[in-house]
C-alpha atoms as a PDB file:
ATOM      1  CA  MET A   1     -44.352  10.159 -68.339  1.00  0.00           C
ATOM      2  CA  SER A   2     -42.652  13.529 -69.199  1.00  0.00           C
ATOM      3  CA  LEU A   3     -41.112  15.629 -66.398  1.00  0.00           C
ATOM      4  CA  SER A   4     -41.561  19.370 -66.174  1.00  0.00           C
ATOM      5  CA  PRO A   5     -38.503  21.483 -67.015  1.00  0.00           C
ATOM      6  CA  SER A   6     -38.032  22.612 -63.516  1.00  0.00           C
ATOM      7  CA  VAL A   7     -38.185  19.065 -62.095  1.00  0.00           C
ATOM      8  CA  VAL A   8     -35.584  18.029 -64.735  1.00  0.00           C
ATOM      9  CA  GLN A   9     -33.342  20.859 -63.811  1.00  0.00           C
ATOM     10  CA  THR A  10     -33.615  20.032 -60.127  1.00  0.00           C
ATOM     11  CA  LEU A  11     -32.589  16.414 -60.837  1.00  0.00           C
ATOM     12  CA  VAL A  12     -29.698  17.719 -62.727  1.00  0.00           C
ATOM     13  CA  LEU A  13     -28.569  19.520 -59.557  1.00  0.00           C
ATOM     14  CA  PHE A  14     -28.730  16.292 -57.556  1.00  0.00           C
ATOM     15  CA  LEU A  15     -26.808  14.384 -60.190  1.00  0.00           C
ATOM     16  CA  LEU A  16     -24.006  16.998 -59.906  1.00  0.00           C
ATOM     17  CA  MET A  17     -24.173  16.577 -56.138  1.00  0.00           C
ATOM     18  CA  ALA A  18     -23.798  12.667 -56.691  1.00  0.00           C
ATOM     19  CA  ILE A  19     -20.664  13.288 -58.686  1.00  0.00           C
ATOM     20  CA  GLY A  20     -19.306  15.291 -55.788  1.00  0.00           C
ATOM     21  CA  PHE A  21     -20.426  12.497 -53.433  1.00  0.00           C
ATOM     22  CA  GLY A  22     -18.633   9.897 -55.542  1.00  0.00           C
ATOM     23  CA  ALA A  23     -15.481  12.277 -55.904  1.00  0.00           C
ATOM     24  CA  GLY A  24     -15.324  12.699 -52.065  1.00  0.00           C
ATOM     25  CA  LYS A  25     -15.835   8.926 -51.430  1.00  0.00           C
ATOM     26  CA  ALA A  26     -12.968   8.217 -53.863  1.00  0.00           C
ATOM     27  CA  ARG A  27     -10.930  10.885 -52.304  1.00  0.00           C
ATOM     28  CA  ILE A  28     -10.485  12.630 -55.565  1.00  0.00           C
ATOM     29  CA  LEU A  29     -12.058  15.707 -53.742  1.00  0.00           C
ATOM     30  CA  ASP A  30     -10.681  15.462 -50.197  1.00  0.00           C
ATOM     31  CA  GLU A  31     -11.234  17.933 -47.324  1.00  0.00           C
ATOM     32  CA  ALA A  32      -8.404  20.148 -48.262  1.00  0.00           C
ATOM     33  CA  GLY A  33      -9.689  20.349 -51.918  1.00  0.00           C
ATOM     34  CA  GLY A  34     -13.081  21.067 -50.709  1.00  0.00           C
ATOM     35  CA  LYS A  35     -11.883  23.903 -48.640  1.00  0.00           C
ATOM     36  CA  GLY A  36     -10.100  25.364 -51.533  1.00  0.00           C
ATOM     37  CA  ILE A  37     -13.172  25.281 -53.743  1.00  0.00           C
ATOM     38  CA  SER A  38     -15.211  26.734 -50.897  1.00  0.00           C
ATOM     39  CA  LYS A  39     -12.876  29.731 -50.682  1.00  0.00           C
ATOM     40  CA  LEU A  40     -12.868  30.128 -54.538  1.00  0.00           C
ATOM     41  CA  LEU A  41     -16.616  30.129 -54.459  1.00  0.00           C
ATOM     42  CA  VAL A  42     -17.088  32.580 -51.412  1.00  0.00           C
ATOM     43  CA  ASN A  43     -14.362  34.979 -52.389  1.00  0.00           C
ATOM     44  CA  PHE A  44     -14.493  35.134 -56.188  1.00  0.00           C
ATOM     45  CA  ILE A  45     -17.182  33.043 -58.062  1.00  0.00           C
ATOM     46  CA  LEU A  46     -20.338  34.023 -55.838  1.00  0.00           C
ATOM     47  CA  PRO A  47     -19.307  37.727 -55.982  1.00  0.00           C
ATOM     48  CA  ALA A  48     -18.749  37.468 -59.826  1.00  0.00           C
ATOM     49  CA  LEU A  49     -22.180  35.906 -60.227  1.00  0.00           C
ATOM     50  CA  ILE A  50     -23.788  38.666 -58.033  1.00  0.00           C
ATOM     51  CA  ILE A  51     -22.212  41.431 -59.973  1.00  0.00           C
ATOM     52  CA  GLU A  52     -22.884  39.954 -63.346  1.00  0.00           C
ATOM     53  CA  SER A  53     -26.623  39.222 -62.361  1.00  0.00           C
ATOM     54  CA  MET A  54     -27.113  42.868 -61.588  1.00  0.00           C
ATOM     55  CA  GLN A  55     -25.759  44.013 -64.982  1.00  0.00           C
ATOM     56  CA  ARG A  56     -29.219  44.836 -66.068  1.00  0.00           C
ATOM     57  CA  PRO A  57     -30.593  48.009 -67.760  1.00  0.00           C
ATOM     58  CA  PHE A  58     -31.894  50.290 -65.215  1.00  0.00           C
ATOM     59  CA  THR A  59     -35.606  50.701 -64.972  1.00  0.00           C
ATOM     60  CA  PRO A  60     -37.818  52.092 -62.252  1.00  0.00           C
ATOM     61  CA  GLU A  61     -39.612  48.756 -62.172  1.00  0.00           C
ATOM     62  CA  LEU A  62     -36.320  46.736 -61.459  1.00  0.00           C
ATOM     63  CA  ARG A  63     -35.155  49.486 -58.891  1.00  0.00           C
ATOM     64  CA  ASP A  64     -38.565  49.057 -57.095  1.00  0.00           C
ATOM     65  CA  LEU A  65     -38.396  45.251 -57.220  1.00  0.00           C
ATOM     66  CA  ALA A  66     -34.982  45.366 -55.749  1.00  0.00           C
ATOM     67  CA  PHE A  67     -35.911  47.557 -52.828  1.00  0.00           C
ATOM     68  CA  ARG A  68     -39.024  45.535 -52.166  1.00  0.00           C
ATOM     69  CA  MET A  69     -37.209  42.261 -52.354  1.00  0.00           C
ATOM     70  CA  LEU A  70     -34.552  43.447 -49.925  1.00  0.00           C
ATOM     71  CA  GLY A  71     -37.443  44.549 -47.519  1.00  0.00           C
ATOM     72  CA  VAL A  72     -39.051  41.104 -47.872  1.00  0.00           C
ATOM     73  CA  SER A  73     -35.677  39.327 -47.212  1.00  0.00           C
ATOM     74  CA  PHE A  74     -35.017  41.356 -43.977  1.00  0.00           C
ATOM     75  CA  LEU A  75     -38.602  40.621 -42.894  1.00  0.00           C
ATOM     76  CA  ALA A  76     -37.902  36.866 -43.335  1.00  0.00           C
ATOM     77  CA  TYR A  77     -34.929  37.062 -40.958  1.00  0.00           C
ATOM     78  CA  ALA A  78     -36.728  39.246 -38.482  1.00  0.00           C
ATOM     79  CA  ILE A  79     -39.225  36.440 -37.868  1.00  0.00           C
ATOM     80  CA  ALA A  80     -36.647  33.733 -38.344  1.00  0.00           C
ATOM     81  CA  PHE A  81     -34.561  34.684 -35.264  1.00  0.00           C
ATOM     82  CA  PRO A  82     -37.254  34.330 -32.602  1.00  0.00           C
ATOM     83  CA  LEU A  83     -38.897  31.267 -34.223  1.00  0.00           C
ATOM     84  CA  ALA A  84     -35.412  29.498 -34.320  1.00  0.00           C
ATOM     85  CA  TRP A  85     -35.035  30.038 -30.420  1.00  0.00           C
ATOM     86  CA  LEU A  86     -38.650  28.768 -29.993  1.00  0.00           C
ATOM     87  CA  LEU A  87     -37.629  25.708 -32.060  1.00  0.00           C
ATOM     88  CA  VAL A  88     -34.731  25.086 -29.930  1.00  0.00           C
ATOM     89  CA  ARG A  89     -36.776  25.008 -26.852  1.00  0.00           C
ATOM     90  CA  VAL A  90     -39.362  22.686 -28.493  1.00  0.00           C
ATOM     91  CA  VAL A  91     -36.758  20.113 -29.617  1.00  0.00           C
ATOM     92  CA  GLY A  92     -34.949  20.302 -26.179  1.00  0.00           C
ATOM     93  CA  ALA A  93     -31.452  21.131 -27.548  1.00  0.00           C
ATOM     94  CA  GLY A  94     -29.119  22.185 -24.796  1.00  0.00           C
ATOM     95  CA  GLY A  95     -25.597  23.541 -24.446  1.00  0.00           C
ATOM     96  CA  ALA A  96     -23.537  23.976 -27.667  1.00  0.00           C
ATOM     97  CA  GLU A  97     -26.004  21.929 -29.530  1.00  0.00           C
ATOM     98  CA  ARG A  98     -28.515  24.879 -29.182  1.00  0.00           C
ATOM     99  CA  GLY A  99     -26.376  27.147 -31.291  1.00  0.00           C
ATOM    100  CA  ALA A 100     -26.116  24.582 -34.135  1.00  0.00           C
ATOM    101  CA  HIS A 101     -29.868  24.145 -34.245  1.00  0.00           C
ATOM    102  CA  ALA A 102     -30.530  27.772 -34.066  1.00  0.00           C
ATOM    103  CA  PHE A 103     -28.224  28.619 -36.813  1.00  0.00           C
ATOM    104  CA  GLY A 104     -29.661  25.836 -38.896  1.00  0.00           C
ATOM    105  CA  ALA A 105     -33.221  27.141 -38.441  1.00  0.00           C
ATOM    106  CA  ILE A 106     -32.205  30.710 -39.281  1.00  0.00           C
ATOM    107  CA  PHE A 107     -29.843  30.194 -42.265  1.00  0.00           C
ATOM    108  CA  SER A 108     -30.584  28.166 -45.278  1.00  0.00           C
ATOM    109  CA  ASN A 109     -28.214  27.122 -47.984  1.00  0.00           C
ATOM    110  CA  CYS A 110     -29.576  30.063 -50.029  1.00  0.00           C
ATOM    111  CA  ALA A 111     -26.423  30.791 -51.982  1.00  0.00           C
ATOM    112  CA  PHE A 112     -24.604  27.556 -52.970  1.00  0.00           C
ATOM    113  CA  MET A 113     -27.785  25.602 -53.500  1.00  0.00           C
ATOM    114  CA  GLY A 114     -30.391  28.491 -53.563  1.00  0.00           C
ATOM    115  CA  PHE A 115     -29.059  30.107 -56.652  1.00  0.00           C
ATOM    116  CA  PRO A 116     -29.019  26.928 -58.831  1.00  0.00           C
ATOM    117  CA  VAL A 117     -32.581  25.883 -57.527  1.00  0.00           C
ATOM    118  CA  VAL A 118     -33.969  29.430 -58.220  1.00  0.00           C
ATOM    119  CA  GLU A 119     -32.452  29.314 -61.796  1.00  0.00           C
ATOM    120  CA  ALA A 120     -33.901  25.881 -62.339  1.00  0.00           C
ATOM    121  CA  ILE A 121     -37.455  26.855 -61.078  1.00  0.00           C
ATOM    122  CA  LEU A 122     -37.820  30.461 -61.884  1.00  0.00           C
ATOM    123  CA  GLY A 123     -35.182  30.818 -64.730  1.00  0.00           C
ATOM    124  CA  LYS A 124     -32.000  32.837 -64.942  1.00  0.00           C
ATOM    125  CA  ASP A 125     -33.632  36.193 -64.926  1.00  0.00           C
ATOM    126  CA  ALA A 126     -34.568  35.528 -61.269  1.00  0.00           C
ATOM    127  CA  ILE A 127     -30.886  35.560 -60.222  1.00  0.00           C
ATOM    128  CA  PHE A 128     -30.870  39.326 -60.092  1.00  0.00           C
ATOM    129  CA  ALA A 129     -33.714  39.325 -57.448  1.00  0.00           C
ATOM    130  CA  ALA A 130     -32.025  36.282 -55.719  1.00  0.00           C
ATOM    131  CA  SER A 131     -28.726  38.293 -55.499  1.00  0.00           C
ATOM    132  CA  VAL A 132     -30.636  41.139 -53.804  1.00  0.00           C
ATOM    133  CA  ALA A 133     -32.512  38.824 -51.475  1.00  0.00           C
ATOM    134  CA  ASN A 134     -29.125  37.272 -50.431  1.00  0.00           C
ATOM    135  CA  ILE A 135     -27.796  40.487 -49.084  1.00  0.00           C
ATOM    136  CA  PRO A 136     -29.158  39.974 -45.574  1.00  0.00           C
ATOM    137  CA  PHE A 137     -27.754  36.480 -45.435  1.00  0.00           C
ATOM    138  CA  GLN A 138     -24.301  37.689 -46.343  1.00  0.00           C
ATOM    139  CA  LEU A 139     -24.563  40.383 -43.719  1.00  0.00           C
ATOM    140  CA  LEU A 140     -25.893  38.248 -40.958  1.00  0.00           C
ATOM    141  CA  ALA A 141     -24.613  34.509 -41.473  1.00  0.00           C
ATOM    142  CA  PHE A 142     -20.999  35.503 -41.122  1.00  0.00           C
ATOM    143  CA  SER A 143     -21.399  38.041 -38.239  1.00  0.00           C
ATOM    144  CA  ILE A 144     -24.346  37.044 -36.022  1.00  0.00           C
ATOM    145  CA  GLY A 145     -24.046  33.401 -37.129  1.00  0.00           C
ATOM    146  CA  PRO A 146     -20.592  32.760 -35.561  1.00  0.00           C
ATOM    147  CA  PHE A 147     -21.855  34.703 -32.385  1.00  0.00           C
ATOM    148  CA  ILE A 148     -24.922  32.396 -32.153  1.00  0.00           C
ATOM    149  CA  LEU A 149     -22.583  29.261 -32.457  1.00  0.00           C
ATOM    150  CA  ALA A 150     -19.855  30.327 -30.092  1.00  0.00           C
ATOM    151  CA  ARG A 151     -21.962  31.874 -27.364  1.00  0.00           C
ATOM    152  CA  ALA A 152     -24.211  28.670 -27.190  1.00  0.00           C
ATOM    153  CA  ALA A 153     -20.956  26.735 -26.500  1.00  0.00           C
ATOM    154  CA  GLY A 154     -19.724  29.151 -23.771  1.00  0.00           C
ATOM    155  CA  GLY A 155     -17.394  31.060 -25.888  1.00  0.00           C
ATOM    156  CA  SER A 156     -16.727  34.785 -25.871  1.00  0.00           C
ATOM    157  CA  ALA A 157     -17.389  35.825 -29.523  1.00  0.00           C
ATOM    158  CA  LYS A 158     -17.995  39.462 -30.026  1.00  0.00           C
ATOM    159  CA  LEU A 159     -19.660  41.240 -33.041  1.00  0.00           C
ATOM    160  CA  ARG A 160     -17.555  43.645 -34.860  1.00  0.00           C
ATOM    161  CA  LEU A 161     -18.177  45.945 -37.747  1.00  0.00           C
ATOM    162  CA  GLY A 162     -15.684  43.956 -39.894  1.00  0.00           C
ATOM    163  CA  SER A 163     -17.735  40.801 -39.373  1.00  0.00           C
ATOM    164  CA  PHE A 164     -20.299  42.298 -41.655  1.00  0.00           C
ATOM    165  CA  LEU A 165     -17.906  42.947 -44.470  1.00  0.00           C
ATOM    166  CA  THR A 166     -17.623  39.833 -46.770  1.00  0.00           C
ATOM    167  CA  PRO A 167     -16.760  39.500 -50.473  1.00  0.00           C
ATOM    168  CA  ALA A 168     -20.359  38.581 -51.328  1.00  0.00           C
ATOM    169  CA  ALA A 169     -21.822  41.544 -49.303  1.00  0.00           C
ATOM    170  CA  ALA A 170     -19.262  43.982 -51.079  1.00  0.00           C
ATOM    171  CA  ALA A 171     -20.313  42.471 -54.475  1.00  0.00           C
ATOM    172  CA  SER A 172     -23.970  42.992 -53.697  1.00  0.00           C
ATOM    173  CA  VAL A 173     -23.417  46.646 -52.839  1.00  0.00           C
ATOM    174  CA  ALA A 174     -21.120  47.230 -55.841  1.00  0.00           C
ATOM    175  CA  GLY A 175     -23.399  45.346 -58.153  1.00  0.00           C
ATOM    176  CA  PHE A 176     -26.433  47.298 -56.974  1.00  0.00           C
ATOM    177  CA  ALA A 177     -24.464  50.617 -57.275  1.00  0.00           C
ATOM    178  CA  LEU A 178     -23.553  49.791 -60.840  1.00  0.00           C
ATOM    179  CA  PHE A 179     -27.293  48.957 -61.600  1.00  0.00           C
ATOM    180  CA  ALA A 180     -28.632  52.008 -59.977  1.00  0.00           C
ATOM    181  CA  GLY A 181     -26.069  54.147 -61.752  1.00  0.00           C
ATOM    182  CA  GLY A 182     -26.799  52.569 -65.167  1.00  0.00           C
ATOM    183  CA  LEU A 183     -23.155  51.635 -65.502  1.00  0.00           C
ATOM    184  CA  THR A 184     -22.063  48.801 -67.616  1.00  0.00           C
ATOM    185  CA  LEU A 185     -18.811  46.969 -67.084  1.00  0.00           C
ATOM    186  CA  PRO A 186     -16.313  46.902 -70.037  1.00  0.00           C
ATOM    187  CA  SER A 187     -16.941  43.925 -72.339  1.00  0.00           C
ATOM    188  CA  PRO A 188     -13.873  41.799 -71.475  1.00  0.00           C
ATOM    189  CA  LEU A 189     -14.483  42.230 -67.711  1.00  0.00           C
ATOM    190  CA  GLY A 190     -18.197  41.463 -68.010  1.00  0.00           C
ATOM    191  CA  ARG A 191     -17.557  38.431 -70.133  1.00  0.00           C
ATOM    192  CA  ALA A 192     -14.993  37.118 -67.574  1.00  0.00           C
ATOM    193  CA  LEU A 193     -17.494  37.641 -64.764  1.00  0.00           C
ATOM    194  CA  THR A 194     -20.152  35.871 -66.703  1.00  0.00           C
ATOM    195  CA  LEU A 195     -17.964  32.833 -67.430  1.00  0.00           C
ATOM    196  CA  LEU A 196     -16.851  32.764 -63.761  1.00  0.00           C
ATOM    197  CA  GLY A 197     -20.371  33.169 -62.427  1.00  0.00           C
ATOM    198  CA  ASP A 198     -21.671  30.432 -64.659  1.00  0.00           C
ATOM    199  CA  THR A 199     -19.500  27.842 -62.756  1.00  0.00           C
ATOM    200  CA  THR A 200     -21.488  28.557 -59.549  1.00  0.00           C
ATOM    201  CA  THR A 201     -23.963  25.810 -60.108  1.00  0.00           C
ATOM    202  CA  PRO A 202     -21.653  22.861 -60.917  1.00  0.00           C
ATOM    203  CA  LEU A 203     -19.003  23.736 -58.364  1.00  0.00           C
ATOM    204  CA  SER A 204     -21.589  24.384 -55.658  1.00  0.00           C
ATOM    205  CA  MET A 205     -23.545  21.131 -56.034  1.00  0.00           C
ATOM    206  CA  VAL A 206     -20.155  18.968 -56.526  1.00  0.00           C
ATOM    207  CA  LEU A 207     -18.809  20.865 -53.337  1.00  0.00           C
ATOM    208  CA  ILE A 208     -21.987  19.940 -51.243  1.00  0.00           C
ATOM    209  CA  GLY A 209     -21.925  16.333 -52.428  1.00  0.00           C
ATOM    210  CA  SER A 210     -18.147  16.089 -51.311  1.00  0.00           C
ATOM    211  CA  ILE A 211     -18.975  17.528 -47.950  1.00  0.00           C
ATOM    212  CA  VAL A 212     -21.791  15.083 -47.351  1.00  0.00           C
ATOM    213  CA  SER A 213     -19.554  12.234 -48.377  1.00  0.00           C
ATOM    214  CA  ARG A 214     -17.318  12.955 -45.358  1.00  0.00           C
ATOM    215  CA  MET A 215     -20.149  12.918 -42.758  1.00  0.00           C
ATOM    216  CA  ASP A 216     -20.896  10.175 -40.515  1.00  0.00           C
ATOM    217  CA  PHE A 217     -24.322   8.811 -41.430  1.00  0.00           C
ATOM    218  CA  ARG A 218     -24.551   6.555 -38.330  1.00  0.00           C
ATOM    219  CA  LYS A 219     -24.373   9.481 -35.820  1.00  0.00           C
ATOM    220  CA  ALA A 220     -26.956  11.434 -37.841  1.00  0.00           C
ATOM    221  CA  ILE A 221     -29.535   8.752 -38.356  1.00  0.00           C
ATOM    222  CA  GLY A 222     -30.443   8.024 -34.629  1.00  0.00           C
ATOM    223  CA  ARG A 223     -30.906  11.738 -33.541  1.00  0.00           C
ATOM    224  CA  PRO A 224     -34.524  12.740 -33.733  1.00  0.00           C
ATOM    225  CA  ARG A 225     -33.804  16.438 -33.032  1.00  0.00           C
ATOM    226  CA  LEU A 226     -31.916  16.554 -36.350  1.00  0.00           C
ATOM    227  CA  TYR A 227     -35.016  15.470 -38.201  1.00  0.00           C
ATOM    228  CA  ALA A 228     -37.238  18.006 -36.291  1.00  0.00           C
ATOM    229  CA  THR A 229     -34.959  20.976 -37.279  1.00  0.00           C
ATOM    230  CA  SER A 230     -34.507  19.683 -40.840  1.00  0.00           C
ATOM    231  CA  LEU A 231     -38.298  19.438 -41.129  1.00  0.00           C
ATOM    232  CA  TYR A 232     -38.655  22.998 -39.855  1.00  0.00           C
ATOM    233  CA  ARG A 233     -35.998  24.239 -42.191  1.00  0.00           C
ATOM    234  CA  LEU A 234     -37.308  22.620 -45.342  1.00  0.00           C
ATOM    235  CA  ALA A 235     -40.986  22.825 -44.812  1.00  0.00           C
ATOM    236  CA  LEU A 236     -42.510  24.577 -41.705  1.00  0.00           C
ATOM    237  CA  PHE A 237     -40.726  27.836 -41.904  1.00  0.00           C
ATOM    238  CA  PRO A 238     -41.185  28.067 -45.687  1.00  0.00           C
ATOM    239  CA  ALA A 239     -44.907  27.538 -45.121  1.00  0.00           C
ATOM    240  CA  ALA A 240     -45.070  30.112 -42.359  1.00  0.00           C
ATOM    241  CA  LEU A 241     -43.264  32.626 -44.612  1.00  0.00           C
ATOM    242  CA  PHE A 242     -45.584  31.877 -47.377  1.00  0.00           C
ATOM    243  CA  ALA A 243     -48.660  32.427 -45.266  1.00  0.00           C
ATOM    244  CA  LEU A 244     -47.267  35.745 -44.030  1.00  0.00           C
ATOM    245  CA  LEU A 245     -46.133  37.117 -47.404  1.00  0.00           C
ATOM    246  CA  TYR A 246     -49.392  35.857 -48.961  1.00  0.00           C
ATOM    247  CA  SER A 247     -51.445  37.606 -46.196  1.00  0.00           C
ATOM    248  CA  LEU A 248     -49.536  40.833 -46.988  1.00  0.00           C
ATOM    249  CA  GLY A 249     -50.636  40.755 -50.570  1.00  0.00           C
ATOM    250  CA  LEU A 250     -47.414  39.753 -52.098  1.00  0.00           C
ATOM    251  CA  ARG A 251     -47.537  37.759 -55.347  1.00  0.00           C
ATOM    252  CA  GLY A 252     -45.308  36.547 -58.153  1.00  0.00           C
ATOM    253  CA  LEU A 253     -41.520  36.810 -57.623  1.00  0.00           C
ATOM    254  CA  LEU A 254     -41.826  38.672 -54.231  1.00  0.00           C
ATOM    255  CA  LEU A 255     -43.805  35.691 -52.897  1.00  0.00           C
ATOM    256  CA  SER A 256     -42.060  32.659 -54.666  1.00  0.00           C
ATOM    257  CA  LEU A 257     -38.393  33.615 -54.485  1.00  0.00           C
ATOM    258  CA  PRO A 258     -38.152  34.233 -50.632  1.00  0.00           C
ATOM    259  CA  VAL A 259     -40.025  30.958 -49.946  1.00  0.00           C
ATOM    260  CA  ILE A 260     -37.808  28.911 -52.320  1.00  0.00           C
ATOM    261  CA  LEU A 261     -34.673  30.342 -50.734  1.00  0.00           C
ATOM    262  CA  ALA A 262     -36.162  29.618 -47.171  1.00  0.00           C
ATOM    263  CA  ALA A 263     -36.842  26.105 -48.339  1.00  0.00           C
ATOM    264  CA  MET A 264     -33.190  25.132 -48.908  1.00  0.00           C
ATOM    265  CA  PRO A 265     -31.248  22.824 -46.591  1.00  0.00           C
ATOM    266  CA  VAL A 266     -29.155  24.087 -43.662  1.00  0.00           C
ATOM    267  CA  ALA A 267     -26.338  26.433 -44.899  1.00  0.00           C
ATOM    268  CA  ALA A 268     -23.376  24.261 -45.767  1.00  0.00           C
ATOM    269  CA  ASN A 269     -20.956  26.652 -44.084  1.00  0.00           C
ATOM    270  CA  SER A 270     -22.556  26.062 -40.574  1.00  0.00           C
ATOM    271  CA  ALA A 271     -20.135  23.104 -39.923  1.00  0.00           C
ATOM    272  CA  ILE A 272     -17.097  25.350 -41.038  1.00  0.00           C
ATOM    273  CA  LEU A 273     -18.087  28.361 -38.886  1.00  0.00           C
ATOM    274  CA  ALA A 274     -18.913  26.151 -35.905  1.00  0.00           C
ATOM    275  CA  GLU A 275     -15.370  24.518 -36.164  1.00  0.00           C
ATOM    276  CA  ALA A 276     -13.708  27.912 -36.544  1.00  0.00           C
ATOM    277  CA  TYR A 277     -15.514  29.508 -33.521  1.00  0.00           C
ATOM    278  CA  GLY A 278     -15.768  26.564 -31.091  1.00  0.00           C
ATOM    279  CA  GLY A 279     -19.272  25.620 -31.713  1.00  0.00           C
ATOM    280  CA  ASP A 280     -20.904  22.243 -32.035  1.00  0.00           C
ATOM    281  CA  ALA A 281     -19.506  21.159 -35.442  1.00  0.00           C
ATOM    282  CA  GLU A 282     -20.628  17.658 -35.246  1.00  0.00           C
ATOM    283  CA  THR A 283     -24.235  18.712 -34.859  1.00  0.00           C
ATOM    284  CA  ALA A 284     -23.891  21.362 -37.516  1.00  0.00           C
ATOM    285  CA  SER A 285     -22.410  18.812 -39.873  1.00  0.00           C
ATOM    286  CA  SER A 286     -25.132  16.354 -39.173  1.00  0.00           C
ATOM    287  CA  LEU A 287     -27.820  18.926 -39.746  1.00  0.00           C
ATOM    288  CA  VAL A 288     -26.371  19.833 -43.133  1.00  0.00           C
ATOM    289  CA  LEU A 289     -26.426  16.008 -44.002  1.00  0.00           C
ATOM    290  CA  VAL A 290     -29.959  15.296 -42.760  1.00  0.00           C
ATOM    291  CA  SER A 291     -31.474  18.362 -44.337  1.00  0.00           C
ATOM    292  CA  THR A 292     -29.597  17.931 -47.570  1.00  0.00           C
ATOM    293  CA  PHE A 293     -30.754  14.413 -48.072  1.00  0.00           C
ATOM    294  CA  ILE A 294     -34.382  15.171 -47.097  1.00  0.00           C
ATOM    295  CA  SER A 295     -34.275  17.951 -49.652  1.00  0.00           C
ATOM    296  CA  LEU A 296     -33.969  15.218 -52.281  1.00  0.00           C
ATOM    297  CA  LEU A 297     -37.684  14.725 -51.802  1.00  0.00           C
ATOM    298  CA  THR A 298     -38.875  18.345 -50.838  1.00  0.00           C
ATOM    299  CA  ILE A 299     -37.140  20.346 -53.653  1.00  0.00           C
ATOM    300  CA  PRO A 300     -38.918  18.418 -56.495  1.00  0.00           C
ATOM    301  CA  VAL A 301     -42.104  19.016 -54.665  1.00  0.00           C
ATOM    302  CA  LEU A 302     -41.178  22.650 -54.430  1.00  0.00           C
ATOM    303  CA  ALA A 303     -40.314  22.811 -58.040  1.00  0.00           C
ATOM    304  CA  ALA A 304     -43.940  21.446 -58.875  1.00  0.00           C
ATOM    305  CA  ILE A 305     -45.752  24.140 -56.909  1.00  0.00           C
ATOM    306  CA  ARG A 306     -47.531  26.846 -58.878  1.00  0.00           C
ATOM    307  CA  PHE A 307     -46.967  29.970 -56.871  1.00  0.00           C
ATOM    308  CA  PRO A 308     -49.675  32.700 -57.278  1.00  0.00           C
END
């Protein structure tokens, strides 16, 4: 039986994750090394991919697609926040655990894992739209995200303007400005960004595999709330988003791309942010672990769906 190209590409992603898992277990890629790769991805590689993906000839059609995709992405988060707190009530999470479940329900791994999966399912040309769709994530996950995690744990985190300024957010604005202005980067710089951005997929998946390798399976397996939030993250919320966008008359990339990004596991940086801001890092890590492993089943199914 022959597999479709999208399914083959998805399996490739999980093989890369398996390599990272093995490297983590063998301590070739330890926690310190993982943090270094994570910083490299967040501060250099993802911004390079975003800017390079927006180096497209300006057309009114692409401009309109970008603004509509940005609007759809903000709409997705507008409904994600209240639904996340409803989920927290339903699953019965309390204390600091509430913040971890809410964060996991709101923010998917739409960058590290989302970009490779989008490319595998929709093709490389969809990365432009994916970069635009990720702008709200970059603005919210590193500002309101830590606020949610810390406040649920009784902390005194505050929202500041600087919280919204991240390398990926800056790259998104710069890349879109270059696109809107019809400006092309000098060839050596453009080529360097292309080569750097092309490492996003292998490094991201290897990094996720190494993170998973350091998690405690025994603590995660026996906690039903983790499965409930993971199911919501991977299937229920994407299905609700699909129904909403479809009812609004959206089709094609404006329908498929936001749903695919919403169907990714819990954001891998949730555990790092929880640790840094005094949240429930153990629950956050367990949510990443459980949702990532369940996604081994859900993402191939997602790849096989024919979106209208």
